[in-house]
C-alpha atoms as a PDB file:
ATOM      1  CA  UNK A   1     118.335  95.011 147.192  1.00  0.00           C
ATOM      2  CA  UNK A   2     121.065  93.622 149.472  1.00  0.00           C
ATOM      3  CA  UNK A   3     121.666  90.131 150.734  1.00  0.00           C
ATOM      4  CA  UNK A   4     123.896  89.215 153.752  1.00  0.00           C
ATOM      5  CA  UNK A   5     124.950  85.573 153.926  1.00  0.00           C
ATOM      6  CA  UNK A   6     126.404  83.968 157.088  1.00  0.00           C
ATOM      7  CA  UNK A   7     127.060  80.837 158.938  1.00  0.00           C
ATOM      8  CA  UNK A   8     129.867  79.232 156.943  1.00  0.00           C
ATOM      9  CA  UNK A   9     132.840  77.604 158.528  1.00  0.00           C
ATOM     10  CA  UNK A  10     134.905  74.539 158.977  1.00  0.00           C
ATOM     11  CA  UNK A  11     133.230  71.280 160.043  1.00  0.00           C
ATOM     12  CA  UNK A  12     134.204  67.645 160.053  1.00  0.00           C
ATOM     13  CA  UNK A  13     132.503  65.248 157.593  1.00  0.00           C
ATOM     14  CA  UNK A  14     129.290  64.088 159.081  1.00  0.00           C
ATOM     15  CA  UNK A  15     128.841  67.409 160.738  1.00  0.00           C
ATOM     16  CA  UNK A  16     126.091  70.249 160.384  1.00  0.00           C
ATOM     17  CA  UNK A  17     125.925  73.876 159.575  1.00  0.00           C
ATOM     18  CA  UNK A  18     123.132  76.359 159.100  1.00  0.00           C
ATOM     19  CA  UNK A  19     123.527  79.180 156.706  1.00  0.00           C
ATOM     20  CA  UNK A  20     121.527  82.224 156.933  1.00  0.00           C
ATOM     21  CA  UNK A  21     120.828  85.004 154.285  1.00  0.00           C
ATOM     22  CA  UNK A  22     119.145  88.197 155.288  1.00  0.00           C
ATOM     23  CA  UNK A  23     117.638  90.374 152.550  1.00  0.00           C
ATOM     24  CA  UNK A  24     116.753  94.135 152.528  1.00  0.00           C
ATOM     25  CA  UNK A  25     114.766  95.928 149.937  1.00  0.00           C
ATOM     26  CA  UNK A  26     112.511  92.898 149.200  1.00  0.00           C
ATOM     27  CA  UNK A  27     111.513  89.710 150.753  1.00  0.00           C
ATOM     28  CA  UNK A  28     111.936  85.958 150.015  1.00  0.00           C
ATOM     29  CA  UNK A  29     108.298  85.531 149.436  1.00  0.00           C
ATOM     30  CA  UNK A  30     108.476  85.645 145.573  1.00  0.00           C
ATOM     31  CA  UNK A  31     109.744  82.939 143.050  1.00  0.00           C
ATOM     32  CA  UNK A  32     113.486  82.660 142.288  1.00  0.00           C
ATOM     33  CA  UNK A  33     114.984  82.427 145.761  1.00  0.00           C
ATOM     34  CA  UNK A  34     117.618  79.932 146.537  1.00  0.00           C
ATOM     35  CA  UNK A  35     121.039  78.828 147.566  1.00  0.00           C
ATOM     36  CA  UNK A  36     123.916  78.147 145.096  1.00  0.00           C
ATOM     37  CA  UNK A  37     127.446  77.001 145.637  1.00  0.00           C
ATOM     38  CA  UNK A  38     130.604  77.206 143.653  1.00  0.00           C
ATOM     39  CA  UNK A  39     133.724  75.031 144.341  1.00  0.00           C
ATOM     40  CA  UNK A  40     137.223  76.178 143.177  1.00  0.00           C
ATOM     41  CA  UNK A  41     137.402  75.560 139.445  1.00  0.00           C
ATOM     42  CA  UNK A  42     133.845  74.570 138.943  1.00  0.00           C
ATOM     43  CA  UNK A  43     130.692  76.484 137.852  1.00  0.00           C
ATOM     44  CA  UNK A  44     128.209  77.814 140.331  1.00  0.00           C
ATOM     45  CA  UNK A  45     125.365  75.259 140.842  1.00  0.00           C
ATOM     46  CA  UNK A  46     121.952  75.215 142.278  1.00  0.00           C
ATOM     47  CA  UNK A  47     121.754  73.717 145.725  1.00  0.00           C
ATOM     48  CA  UNK A  48     118.265  74.356 146.751  1.00  0.00           C
ATOM     49  CA  UNK A  49     115.390  76.704 145.900  1.00  0.00           C
ATOM     50  CA  UNK A  50     112.092  77.805 147.448  1.00  0.00           C
ATOM     51  CA  UNK A  51     109.083  79.151 145.597  1.00  0.00           C
ATOM     52  CA  UNK A  52     106.483  81.760 146.526  1.00  0.00           C
ATOM     53  CA  UNK A  53     104.096  78.925 147.709  1.00  0.00           C
ATOM     54  CA  UNK A  54     106.739  77.342 149.872  1.00  0.00           C
ATOM     55  CA  UNK A  55     107.492  74.425 147.577  1.00  0.00           C
ATOM     56  CA  UNK A  56     111.151  73.355 147.419  1.00  0.00           C
ATOM     57  CA  UNK A  57     113.555  71.951 144.876  1.00  0.00           C
ATOM     58  CA  UNK A  58     116.941  70.340 145.596  1.00  0.00           C
ATOM     59  CA  UNK A  59     119.988  69.208 143.715  1.00  0.00           C
ATOM     60  CA  UNK A  60     120.155  65.385 143.747  1.00  0.00           C
ATOM     61  CA  UNK A  61     123.431  65.536 145.624  1.00  0.00           C
ATOM     62  CA  UNK A  62     122.038  67.251 148.721  1.00  0.00           C
ATOM     63  CA  UNK A  63     118.552  65.620 148.846  1.00  0.00           C
ATOM     64  CA  UNK A  64     117.611  64.209 152.225  1.00  0.00           C
ATOM     65  CA  UNK A  65     120.582  66.137 153.734  1.00  0.00           C
ATOM     66  CA  UNK A  66     119.918  69.771 153.113  1.00  0.00           C
ATOM     67  CA  UNK A  67     116.702  71.713 153.974  1.00  0.00           C
ATOM     68  CA  UNK A  68     115.996  75.121 152.673  1.00  0.00           C
ATOM     69  CA  UNK A  69     113.488  77.400 154.479  1.00  0.00           C
ATOM     70  CA  UNK A  70     112.529  81.039 155.265  1.00  0.00           C
ATOM     71  CA  UNK A  71     111.055  82.863 158.315  1.00  0.00           C
ATOM     72  CA  UNK A  72     107.523  84.063 158.251  1.00  0.00           C
ATOM     73  CA  UNK A  73     108.353  87.774 157.474  1.00  0.00           C
ATOM     74  CA  UNK A  74     110.398  86.389 154.478  1.00  0.00           C
ATOM     75  CA  UNK A  75     113.326  88.482 155.431  1.00  0.00           C
ATOM     76  CA  UNK A  76     115.750  85.633 156.149  1.00  0.00           C
ATOM     77  CA  UNK A  77     116.383  82.328 154.159  1.00  0.00           C
ATOM     78  CA  UNK A  78     118.105  79.424 155.758  1.00  0.00           C
ATOM     79  CA  UNK A  79     119.998  76.291 154.515  1.00  0.00           C
ATOM     80  CA  UNK A  80     120.253  73.598 157.191  1.00  0.00           C
ATOM     81  CA  UNK A  81     123.093  71.289 155.983  1.00  0.00           C
ATOM     82  CA  UNK A  82     123.413  67.846 157.725  1.00  0.00           C
ATOM     83  CA  UNK A  83     125.671  64.790 157.096  1.00  0.00           C
ATOM     84  CA  UNK A  84     128.137  67.078 155.383  1.00  0.00           C
ATOM     85  CA  UNK A  85     130.632  65.576 152.979  1.00  0.00           C
ATOM     86  CA  UNK A  86     134.067  66.871 151.737  1.00  0.00           C
ATOM     87  CA  UNK A  87     132.524  67.357 148.286  1.00  0.00           C
ATOM     88  CA  UNK A  88     130.111  69.948 149.923  1.00  0.00           C
ATOM     89  CA  UNK A  89     133.112  72.184 150.412  1.00  0.00           C
ATOM     90  CA  UNK A  90     132.429  75.471 148.344  1.00  0.00           C
ATOM     91  CA  UNK A  91     131.422  79.029 148.677  1.00  0.00           C
ATOM     92  CA  UNK A  92     127.595  79.312 149.169  1.00  0.00           C
ATOM     93  CA  UNK A  93     125.621  82.131 147.686  1.00  0.00           C
ATOM     94  CA  UNK A  94     121.999  83.219 148.377  1.00  0.00           C
ATOM     95  CA  UNK A  95     119.994  84.563 145.428  1.00  0.00           C
ATOM     96  CA  UNK A  96     116.759  86.511 145.124  1.00  0.00           C
ATOM     97  CA  UNK A  97     115.039  87.606 141.897  1.00  0.00           C
ATOM     98  CA  UNK A  98     112.980  90.645 141.789  1.00  0.00           C
ATOM     99  CA  UNK A  99     111.651  92.908 138.976  1.00  0.00           C
ATOM    100  CA  UNK A 100     113.511  90.672 136.572  1.00  0.00           C
ATOM    101  CA  UNK A 101     116.828  91.239 138.189  1.00  0.00           C
ATOM    102  CA  UNK A 102     118.934  88.680 140.051  1.00  0.00           C
ATOM    103  CA  UNK A 103     120.656  89.719 143.366  1.00  0.00           C
ATOM    104  CA  UNK A 104     123.248  87.726 144.936  1.00  0.00           C
ATOM    105  CA  UNK A 105     124.790  87.610 148.408  1.00  0.00           C
ATOM    106  CA  UNK A 106     128.461  87.896 148.908  1.00  0.00           C
ATOM    107  CA  UNK A 107     129.083  84.137 149.577  1.00  0.00           C
ATOM    108  CA  UNK A 108     129.868  82.230 152.701  1.00  0.00           C
ATOM    109  CA  UNK A 109     132.641  79.590 152.693  1.00  0.00           C
ATOM    110  CA  UNK A 110     131.859  76.017 153.873  1.00  0.00           C
ATOM    111  CA  UNK A 111     134.886  73.691 154.400  1.00  0.00           C
ATOM    112  CA  UNK A 112     134.187  70.188 155.043  1.00  0.00           C
ATOM    113  CA  UNK A 113     137.353  68.173 156.318  1.00  0.00           C
ATOM    114  CA  UNK A 114     137.567  64.368 155.935  1.00  0.00           C
END
């Protein structure tokens, strides 16, 4: 299983970005898929997750601003990020769990300037 995340960059506060994560060797149609982020000096934290039935869960800090989704084949997962804030600055990682093993993407850096 390999995951390739993309879409990060530098954006001003209030702006938007869409992250993408493409998976090979499995799909995002099982439980345990999601986006996490890690800011410098902080622990990695859950941002959003999507279950096999399509239900979603978000960290309180991103509710109503971020949207997690996946395409129909389940090969790509997205994170639409709107109304970005400087505190959203972090490396963002996509995750998939299959066969009891957690796989991570390489991370994509999001920097939000004030």
